Amino acid sequence: MSSSENQSARRPPDPFELWRQIYDTNERAWNAVLERTVNNPAFAESSGKILETFLSAQKTVRDNMRTYLEQVNLPTREDISRLGELIVSLEEKVDQLDDRLSAIETTLRSQHSAQSAEKPATTTAAPPERPTASRARRQSSSRQAAP
């Protein structure tokens, strides 16, 4: 006997081989049935009707929920979404104004330092530095986060 025949004779049988064969046979059978079913025009038509029915029911539930929330004076999802958009818009405007004010302050400081350099006899204090809106937000959020 050759060594390969000798090794195969000593190797124990794979206990999962039977399960693999059953699985493969079962999968091929189901694939064939499901492929025929899915490719049938009647299946596509009935799936479309089911989807339309579901979407119609979903719209009805959404409309009823919106009506109920309005009656009990609670915000709808659209109201909250719109509010979020308004807040983001306001934050952007505040940041723009902060940038413009910072630019004006920088210009005034440079003019003030240029004037004070021309007149060394008179000394005036520079205006205190104003924190930017983003710095103020970070400071307030770090205060809130601290225990």
N, C-alpha and C. Protein backbone atom coordinates (compact mmCIF):
# COMPACT_ATOMS: atom_id res chain seq x y z
N MET A 1 0.83 -1.17 0.00
CA MET A 1 0.00 0.00 0.00
C MET A 1 0.87 1.24 0.00
N SER A 2 0.43 2.29 -0.75
CA SER A 2 1.20 3.53 -0.77
C SER A 2 0.91 4.34 0.48
N SER A 3 1.71 5.35 0.71
CA SER A 3 1.57 6.14 1.94
C SER A 3 0.28 6.97 1.93
N SER A 4 -0.15 7.48 0.76
CA SER A 4 -1.39 8.27 0.71
C SER A 4 -2.60 7.40 0.98
N GLU A 5 -2.63 6.16 0.46
CA GLU A 5 -3.74 5.25 0.75
C GLU A 5 -3.73 4.88 2.22
N ASN A 6 -2.54 4.76 2.76
CA ASN A 6 -2.39 4.40 4.16
C ASN A 6 -2.92 5.52 5.06
N GLN A 7 -2.64 6.80 4.69
CA GLN A 7 -3.11 7.94 5.49
C GLN A 7 -4.63 8.08 5.41
N SER A 8 -5.20 7.88 4.21
CA SER A 8 -6.65 8.02 4.08
C SER A 8 -7.38 6.90 4.81
N ALA A 9 -6.76 5.76 4.90
CA ALA A 9 -7.38 4.65 5.63
C ALA A 9 -7.37 4.93 7.13
N ARG A 10 -6.37 5.66 7.63
CA ARG A 10 -6.28 5.96 9.06
C ARG A 10 -7.07 7.21 9.45
N ARG A 11 -7.42 8.11 8.50
CA ARG A 11 -8.13 9.36 8.80
C ARG A 11 -9.57 9.04 9.19
N PRO A 12 -10.05 9.62 10.31
CA PRO A 12 -11.43 9.35 10.72
C PRO A 12 -12.39 10.08 9.77
N PRO A 13 -13.58 9.56 9.58
CA PRO A 13 -14.54 10.22 8.68
C PRO A 13 -14.97 11.57 9.28
N ASP A 14 -15.27 12.52 8.38
CA ASP A 14 -15.71 13.87 8.80
C ASP A 14 -17.17 13.79 9.23
N PRO A 15 -17.46 14.12 10.50
CA PRO A 15 -18.85 14.00 10.96
C PRO A 15 -19.78 15.04 10.32
N PHE A 16 -19.22 16.12 9.79
CA PHE A 16 -20.07 17.17 9.21
C PHE A 16 -20.24 17.02 7.70
N GLU A 17 -19.62 16.04 7.11
CA GLU A 17 -19.73 15.85 5.66
C GLU A 17 -21.16 15.56 5.26
N LEU A 18 -21.87 14.73 6.02
CA LEU A 18 -23.27 14.42 5.72
C LEU A 18 -24.11 15.69 5.81
N TRP A 19 -23.86 16.54 6.81
CA TRP A 19 -24.61 17.80 6.96
C TRP A 19 -24.33 18.72 5.79
N ARG A 20 -23.09 18.79 5.35
CA ARG A 20 -22.75 19.64 4.19
C ARG A 20 -23.50 19.17 2.95
N GLN A 21 -23.55 17.86 2.75
CA GLN A 21 -24.24 17.32 1.58
C GLN A 21 -25.74 17.63 1.64
N ILE A 22 -26.34 17.47 2.82
CA ILE A 22 -27.77 17.78 2.98
C ILE A 22 -28.00 19.27 2.73
N TYR A 23 -27.13 20.09 3.28
CA TYR A 23 -27.26 21.55 3.12
C TYR A 23 -27.16 21.94 1.64
N ASP A 24 -26.16 21.43 0.95
CA ASP A 24 -25.97 21.76 -0.47
C ASP A 24 -27.17 21.31 -1.31
N THR A 25 -27.66 20.11 -1.05
CA THR A 25 -28.82 19.59 -1.80
C THR A 25 -30.05 20.45 -1.53
N ASN A 26 -30.28 20.76 -0.27
CA ASN A 26 -31.42 21.58 0.12
C ASN A 26 -31.32 22.98 -0.49
N GLU A 27 -30.13 23.57 -0.45
CA GLU A 27 -29.94 24.90 -1.01
C GLU A 27 -30.21 24.93 -2.51
N ARG A 28 -29.71 23.94 -3.23
CA ARG A 28 -29.96 23.89 -4.68
C ARG A 28 -31.47 23.78 -4.97
N ALA A 29 -32.17 22.96 -4.19
CA ALA A 29 -33.62 22.78 -4.41
C ALA A 29 -34.36 24.09 -4.14
N TRP A 30 -34.05 24.76 -3.03
CA TRP A 30 -34.72 26.02 -2.70
C TRP A 30 -34.36 27.11 -3.70
N ASN A 31 -33.10 27.17 -4.12
CA ASN A 31 -32.70 28.18 -5.11
C ASN A 31 -33.50 28.04 -6.39
N ALA A 32 -33.69 26.81 -6.85
CA ALA A 32 -34.44 26.59 -8.09
C ALA A 32 -35.89 27.06 -7.93
N VAL A 33 -36.52 26.69 -6.83
CA VAL A 33 -37.92 27.07 -6.60
C VAL A 33 -38.06 28.58 -6.47
N LEU A 34 -37.19 29.19 -5.66
CA LEU A 34 -37.28 30.64 -5.45
C LEU A 34 -36.95 31.42 -6.72
N GLU A 35 -36.03 30.93 -7.51
CA GLU A 35 -35.70 31.62 -8.76
C GLU A 35 -36.89 31.62 -9.70
N ARG A 36 -37.56 30.47 -9.82
CA ARG A 36 -38.76 30.41 -10.67
C ARG A 36 -39.85 31.34 -10.14
N THR A 37 -40.01 31.38 -8.83
CA THR A 37 -41.06 32.21 -8.22
C THR A 37 -40.77 33.69 -8.43
N VAL A 38 -39.54 34.11 -8.19
CA VAL A 38 -39.19 35.53 -8.29
C VAL A 38 -39.25 36.00 -9.74
N ASN A 39 -38.92 35.14 -10.68
CA ASN A 39 -38.94 35.53 -12.09
C ASN A 39 -40.34 35.50 -12.70
N ASN A 40 -41.33 35.09 -11.94
CA ASN A 40 -42.71 35.03 -12.41
C ASN A 40 -43.31 36.45 -12.38
N PRO A 41 -43.92 36.91 -13.48
CA PRO A 41 -44.52 38.25 -13.49
C PRO A 41 -45.61 38.43 -12.44
N ALA A 42 -46.32 37.38 -12.10
CA ALA A 42 -47.37 37.48 -11.08
C ALA A 42 -46.77 37.83 -9.72
N PHE A 43 -45.59 37.30 -9.44
CA PHE A 43 -44.92 37.61 -8.18
C PHE A 43 -44.56 39.09 -8.12
N ALA A 44 -44.01 39.62 -9.22
CA ALA A 44 -43.65 41.04 -9.26
C ALA A 44 -44.89 41.91 -9.08
N GLU A 45 -45.99 41.52 -9.71
CA GLU A 45 -47.23 42.29 -9.60
C GLU A 45 -47.77 42.28 -8.17
N SER A 46 -47.77 41.10 -7.55
CA SER A 46 -48.30 41.03 -6.18
C SER A 46 -47.36 41.75 -5.21
N SER A 47 -46.07 41.68 -5.43
CA SER A 47 -45.12 42.42 -4.57
C SER A 47 -45.35 43.91 -4.69
N GLY A 48 -45.61 44.39 -5.90
CA GLY A 48 -45.89 45.81 -6.11
C GLY A 48 -47.16 46.24 -5.39
N LYS A 49 -48.20 45.41 -5.44
CA LYS A 49 -49.45 45.74 -4.76
C LYS A 49 -49.26 45.77 -3.24
N ILE A 50 -48.51 44.82 -2.73
CA ILE A 50 -48.25 44.79 -1.29
C ILE A 50 -47.49 46.05 -0.87
N LEU A 51 -46.49 46.44 -1.65
CA LEU A 51 -45.72 47.64 -1.34
C LEU A 51 -46.60 48.89 -1.37
N GLU A 52 -47.47 48.99 -2.39
CA GLU A 52 -48.38 50.14 -2.47
C GLU A 52 -49.32 50.19 -1.26
N THR A 53 -49.82 49.03 -0.86
CA THR A 53 -50.71 48.97 0.31
C THR A 53 -49.98 49.39 1.57
N PHE A 54 -48.76 48.91 1.73
CA PHE A 54 -47.97 49.28 2.90
C PHE A 54 -47.69 50.78 2.93
N LEU A 55 -47.30 51.34 1.80
CA LEU A 55 -47.00 52.78 1.74
C LEU A 55 -48.25 53.61 2.02
N SER A 56 -49.39 53.16 1.52
CA SER A 56 -50.64 53.87 1.78
C SER A 56 -50.98 53.83 3.27
N ALA A 57 -50.81 52.67 3.89
CA ALA A 57 -51.08 52.55 5.33
C ALA A 57 -50.10 53.41 6.12
N GLN A 58 -48.86 53.42 5.71
CA GLN A 58 -47.85 54.23 6.40
C GLN A 58 -48.20 55.71 6.30
N LYS A 59 -48.64 56.17 5.14
CA LYS A 59 -49.02 57.57 4.96
C LYS A 59 -50.22 57.91 5.85
N THR A 60 -51.19 57.00 5.92
CA THR A 60 -52.36 57.23 6.76
C THR A 60 -51.97 57.36 8.23
N VAL A 61 -51.10 56.47 8.69
CA VAL A 61 -50.64 56.53 10.08
C VAL A 61 -49.90 57.83 10.34
N ARG A 62 -49.02 58.22 9.41
CA ARG A 62 -48.25 59.46 9.57
C ARG A 62 -49.17 60.67 9.63
N ASP A 63 -50.17 60.72 8.74
CA ASP A 63 -51.11 61.84 8.73
C ASP A 63 -51.95 61.87 10.01
N ASN A 64 -52.41 60.71 10.46
CA ASN A 64 -53.19 60.65 11.70
C ASN A 64 -52.34 61.09 12.90
N MET A 65 -51.08 60.67 12.93
CA MET A 65 -50.20 61.05 14.03
C MET A 65 -49.94 62.55 14.02
N ARG A 66 -49.74 63.12 12.85
CA ARG A 66 -49.52 64.57 12.74
C ARG A 66 -50.75 65.33 13.24
N THR A 67 -51.94 64.87 12.84
CA THR A 67 -53.18 65.51 13.28
C THR A 67 -53.34 65.40 14.80
N TYR A 68 -53.05 64.23 15.34
CA TYR A 68 -53.16 64.04 16.79
C TYR A 68 -52.18 64.96 17.52
N LEU A 69 -50.93 65.00 17.08
CA LEU A 69 -49.93 65.83 17.75
C LEU A 69 -50.30 67.31 17.69
N GLU A 70 -50.87 67.73 16.57
CA GLU A 70 -51.31 69.13 16.46
C GLU A 70 -52.46 69.40 17.43
N GLN A 71 -53.35 68.45 17.61
CA GLN A 71 -54.49 68.64 18.50
C GLN A 71 -54.07 68.71 19.96
N VAL A 72 -53.05 67.96 20.33
CA VAL A 72 -52.59 68.01 21.72
C VAL A 72 -51.45 69.01 21.89
N ASN A 73 -51.22 69.80 20.86
CA ASN A 73 -50.24 70.89 20.89
C ASN A 73 -48.82 70.40 21.16
N LEU A 74 -48.42 69.32 20.49
CA LEU A 74 -47.05 68.81 20.56
C LEU A 74 -46.40 68.96 19.19
N PRO A 75 -45.10 69.17 19.16
CA PRO A 75 -44.43 69.35 17.86
C PRO A 75 -44.33 68.03 17.09
N THR A 76 -44.45 68.14 15.78
CA THR A 76 -44.28 66.98 14.91
C THR A 76 -42.80 66.84 14.56
N ARG A 77 -42.47 65.76 13.88
CA ARG A 77 -41.09 65.54 13.44
C ARG A 77 -40.64 66.68 12.51
N GLU A 78 -41.54 67.13 11.66
CA GLU A 78 -41.20 68.22 10.75
C GLU A 78 -40.93 69.51 11.51
N ASP A 79 -41.74 69.76 12.56
CA ASP A 79 -41.54 70.96 13.38
C ASP A 79 -40.16 70.95 14.04
N ILE A 80 -39.77 69.81 14.58
CA ILE A 80 -38.48 69.71 15.25
C ILE A 80 -37.35 69.84 14.24
N SER A 81 -37.52 69.25 13.08
CA SER A 81 -36.51 69.35 12.04
C SER A 81 -36.33 70.80 11.59
N ARG A 82 -37.44 71.48 11.39
CA ARG A 82 -37.39 72.90 10.99
C ARG A 82 -36.73 73.74 12.08
N LEU A 83 -37.03 73.45 13.33
CA LEU A 83 -36.42 74.17 14.45
C LEU A 83 -34.90 73.96 14.47
N GLY A 84 -34.49 72.74 14.22
CA GLY A 84 -33.05 72.45 14.16
C GLY A 84 -32.36 73.23 13.06
N GLU A 85 -33.01 73.31 11.90
CA GLU A 85 -32.44 74.08 10.78
C GLU A 85 -32.33 75.56 11.15
N LEU A 86 -33.35 76.09 11.82
CA LEU A 86 -33.31 77.49 12.25
C LEU A 86 -32.17 77.74 13.24
N ILE A 87 -31.96 76.81 14.16
CA ILE A 87 -30.89 76.96 15.14
C ILE A 87 -29.53 76.96 14.45
N VAL A 88 -29.34 76.05 13.52
CA VAL A 88 -28.06 76.00 12.79
C VAL A 88 -27.85 77.30 12.02
N SER A 89 -28.91 77.79 11.39
CA SER A 89 -28.81 79.05 10.65
C SER A 89 -28.44 80.20 11.57
N LEU A 90 -29.07 80.26 12.74
CA LEU A 90 -28.75 81.32 13.70
C LEU A 90 -27.30 81.21 14.20
N GLU A 91 -26.84 80.00 14.45
CA GLU A 91 -25.46 79.83 14.88
C GLU A 91 -24.48 80.33 13.82
N GLU A 92 -24.80 80.04 12.56
CA GLU A 92 -23.94 80.52 11.47
C GLU A 92 -23.92 82.05 11.42
N LYS A 93 -25.08 82.67 11.59
CA LYS A 93 -25.15 84.13 11.57
C LYS A 93 -24.38 84.73 12.75
N VAL A 94 -24.51 84.11 13.92
CA VAL A 94 -23.78 84.60 15.09
C VAL A 94 -22.27 84.48 14.84
N ASP A 95 -21.84 83.37 14.28
CA ASP A 95 -20.42 83.20 13.97
C ASP A 95 -19.93 84.25 12.97
N GLN A 96 -20.76 84.55 11.96
CA GLN A 96 -20.39 85.58 10.98
C GLN A 96 -20.27 86.93 11.66
N LEU A 97 -21.24 87.26 12.51
CA LEU A 97 -21.17 88.54 13.23
C LEU A 97 -19.95 88.59 14.14
N ASP A 98 -19.65 87.50 14.79
CA ASP A 98 -18.47 87.43 15.65
C ASP A 98 -17.19 87.67 14.84
N ASP A 99 -17.12 87.05 13.67
CA ASP A 99 -15.95 87.26 12.81
C ASP A 99 -15.84 88.72 12.38
N ARG A 100 -16.99 89.31 12.03
CA ARG A 100 -16.97 90.73 11.61
C ARG A 100 -16.55 91.63 12.77
N LEU A 101 -17.08 91.36 13.97
CA LEU A 101 -16.69 92.16 15.14
C LEU A 101 -15.21 91.99 15.46
N SER A 102 -14.70 90.79 15.33
CA SER A 102 -13.27 90.55 15.58
C SER A 102 -12.42 91.33 14.58
N ALA A 103 -12.85 91.36 13.33
CA ALA A 103 -12.11 92.12 12.31
C ALA A 103 -12.13 93.61 12.63
N ILE A 104 -13.29 94.12 13.08
CA ILE A 104 -13.40 95.53 13.45
C ILE A 104 -12.50 95.82 14.64
N GLU A 105 -12.51 94.94 15.64
CA GLU A 105 -11.66 95.12 16.81
C GLU A 105 -10.19 95.13 16.43
N THR A 106 -9.81 94.23 15.54
CA THR A 106 -8.41 94.18 15.10
C THR A 106 -8.03 95.48 14.41
N THR A 107 -8.91 95.98 13.57
CA THR A 107 -8.65 97.25 12.88
C THR A 107 -8.52 98.39 13.88
N LEU A 108 -9.44 98.44 14.85
CA LEU A 108 -9.38 99.51 15.86
C LEU A 108 -8.12 99.40 16.70
N ARG A 109 -7.72 98.20 17.07
CA ARG A 109 -6.50 98.04 17.85
C ARG A 109 -5.27 98.49 17.07
N SER A 110 -5.24 98.13 15.78
CA SER A 110 -4.08 98.54 14.99
C SER A 110 -4.06 100.06 14.82
N GLN A 111 -5.24 100.65 14.64
CA GLN A 111 -5.29 102.12 14.54
C GLN A 111 -4.88 102.74 15.87
N HIS A 112 -5.34 102.16 16.97
CA HIS A 112 -5.01 102.68 18.30
C HIS A 112 -3.51 102.56 18.55
N SER A 113 -2.92 101.43 18.20
CA SER A 113 -1.48 101.27 18.42
C SER A 113 -0.68 102.19 17.51
N ALA A 114 -1.18 102.44 16.30
CA ALA A 114 -0.49 103.37 15.40
C ALA A 114 -0.56 104.79 15.95
N GLN A 115 -1.72 105.16 16.50
CA GLN A 115 -1.86 106.50 17.09
C GLN A 115 -1.01 106.64 18.34
N SER A 116 -0.96 105.60 19.15
CA SER A 116 -0.17 105.70 20.37
C SER A 116 1.33 105.70 20.04
N ALA A 117 1.71 105.10 18.94
CA ALA A 117 3.11 105.15 18.54
C ALA A 117 3.47 106.55 18.07
N GLU A 118 2.54 107.27 17.46
CA GLU A 118 2.79 108.64 17.02
C GLU A 118 2.84 109.60 18.20
N LYS A 119 2.05 109.35 19.24
CA LYS A 119 1.98 110.22 20.42
C LYS A 119 2.52 109.46 21.63
N PRO A 120 3.80 109.41 21.84
CA PRO A 120 4.33 108.64 22.96
C PRO A 120 4.08 109.30 24.31
N ALA A 121 3.78 110.58 24.37
CA ALA A 121 3.60 111.26 25.64
C ALA A 121 2.30 110.86 26.31
N THR A 122 1.25 110.64 25.55
CA THR A 122 -0.03 110.27 26.14
C THR A 122 -0.20 108.76 26.05
N THR A 123 -0.49 108.14 27.17
CA THR A 123 -0.70 106.69 27.16
C THR A 123 -2.15 106.40 27.49
N THR A 124 -2.73 105.54 26.70
CA THR A 124 -4.09 105.11 26.96
C THR A 124 -4.09 103.58 26.95
N ALA A 125 -4.95 103.01 27.75
CA ALA A 125 -5.03 101.55 27.83
C ALA A 125 -5.79 101.01 26.62
N ALA A 126 -5.31 99.87 26.13
CA ALA A 126 -5.98 99.22 25.01
C ALA A 126 -7.28 98.60 25.53
N PRO A 127 -8.30 98.54 24.69
CA PRO A 127 -9.56 97.94 25.13
C PRO A 127 -9.33 96.45 25.45
N PRO A 128 -10.05 95.93 26.44
CA PRO A 128 -9.87 94.51 26.79
C PRO A 128 -10.28 93.61 25.63
N GLU A 129 -9.61 92.47 25.55
CA GLU A 129 -9.90 91.54 24.46
C GLU A 129 -11.24 90.86 24.72
N ARG A 130 -12.08 90.83 23.69
CA ARG A 130 -13.41 90.24 23.80
C ARG A 130 -13.32 88.77 23.36
N PRO A 131 -13.86 87.85 24.14
CA PRO A 131 -13.82 86.44 23.72
C PRO A 131 -14.73 86.22 22.51
N THR A 132 -14.30 85.37 21.60
CA THR A 132 -15.13 85.07 20.43
C THR A 132 -16.27 84.17 20.85
N ALA A 133 -17.29 84.10 19.99
CA ALA A 133 -18.47 83.29 20.31
C ALA A 133 -18.11 81.82 20.44
N SER A 134 -17.21 81.34 19.57
CA SER A 134 -16.84 79.93 19.65
C SER A 134 -16.08 79.65 20.94
N ARG A 135 -15.22 80.60 21.38
CA ARG A 135 -14.49 80.42 22.63
C ARG A 135 -15.47 80.44 23.81
N ALA A 136 -16.45 81.33 23.77
CA ALA A 136 -17.43 81.42 24.84
C ALA A 136 -18.26 80.14 24.91
N ARG A 137 -18.63 79.57 23.76
CA ARG A 137 -19.39 78.32 23.75
C ARG A 137 -18.57 77.18 24.33
N ARG A 138 -17.27 77.13 23.98
CA ARG A 138 -16.42 76.08 24.52
C ARG A 138 -16.29 76.22 26.02
N GLN A 139 -16.16 77.47 26.49
CA GLN A 139 -16.03 77.68 27.93
C GLN A 139 -17.31 77.29 28.66
N SER A 140 -18.46 77.64 28.10
CA SER A 140 -19.72 77.31 28.76
C SER A 140 -19.95 75.81 28.72
N SER A 141 -19.59 75.15 27.63
CA SER A 141 -19.79 73.69 27.57
C SER A 141 -18.83 72.97 28.49
N SER A 142 -17.61 73.51 28.69
CA SER A 142 -16.70 72.85 29.61
C SER A 142 -17.16 73.06 31.05
N ARG A 143 -17.81 74.19 31.35
CA ARG A 143 -18.36 74.41 32.69
C ARG A 143 -19.53 73.47 32.95
N GLN A 144 -20.34 73.22 31.92
CA GLN A 144 -21.49 72.32 32.08
C GLN A 144 -21.03 70.89 32.22
N ALA A 145 -19.94 70.52 31.56
CA ALA A 145 -19.46 69.15 31.60
C ALA A 145 -18.79 68.83 32.92
N ALA A 146 -18.27 69.86 33.60
CA ALA A 146 -17.58 69.62 34.88
C ALA A 146 -18.60 69.25 35.95
N PRO A 147 -18.25 68.25 36.81
CA PRO A 147 -19.22 67.83 37.85
C PRO A 147 -19.35 68.85 38.95
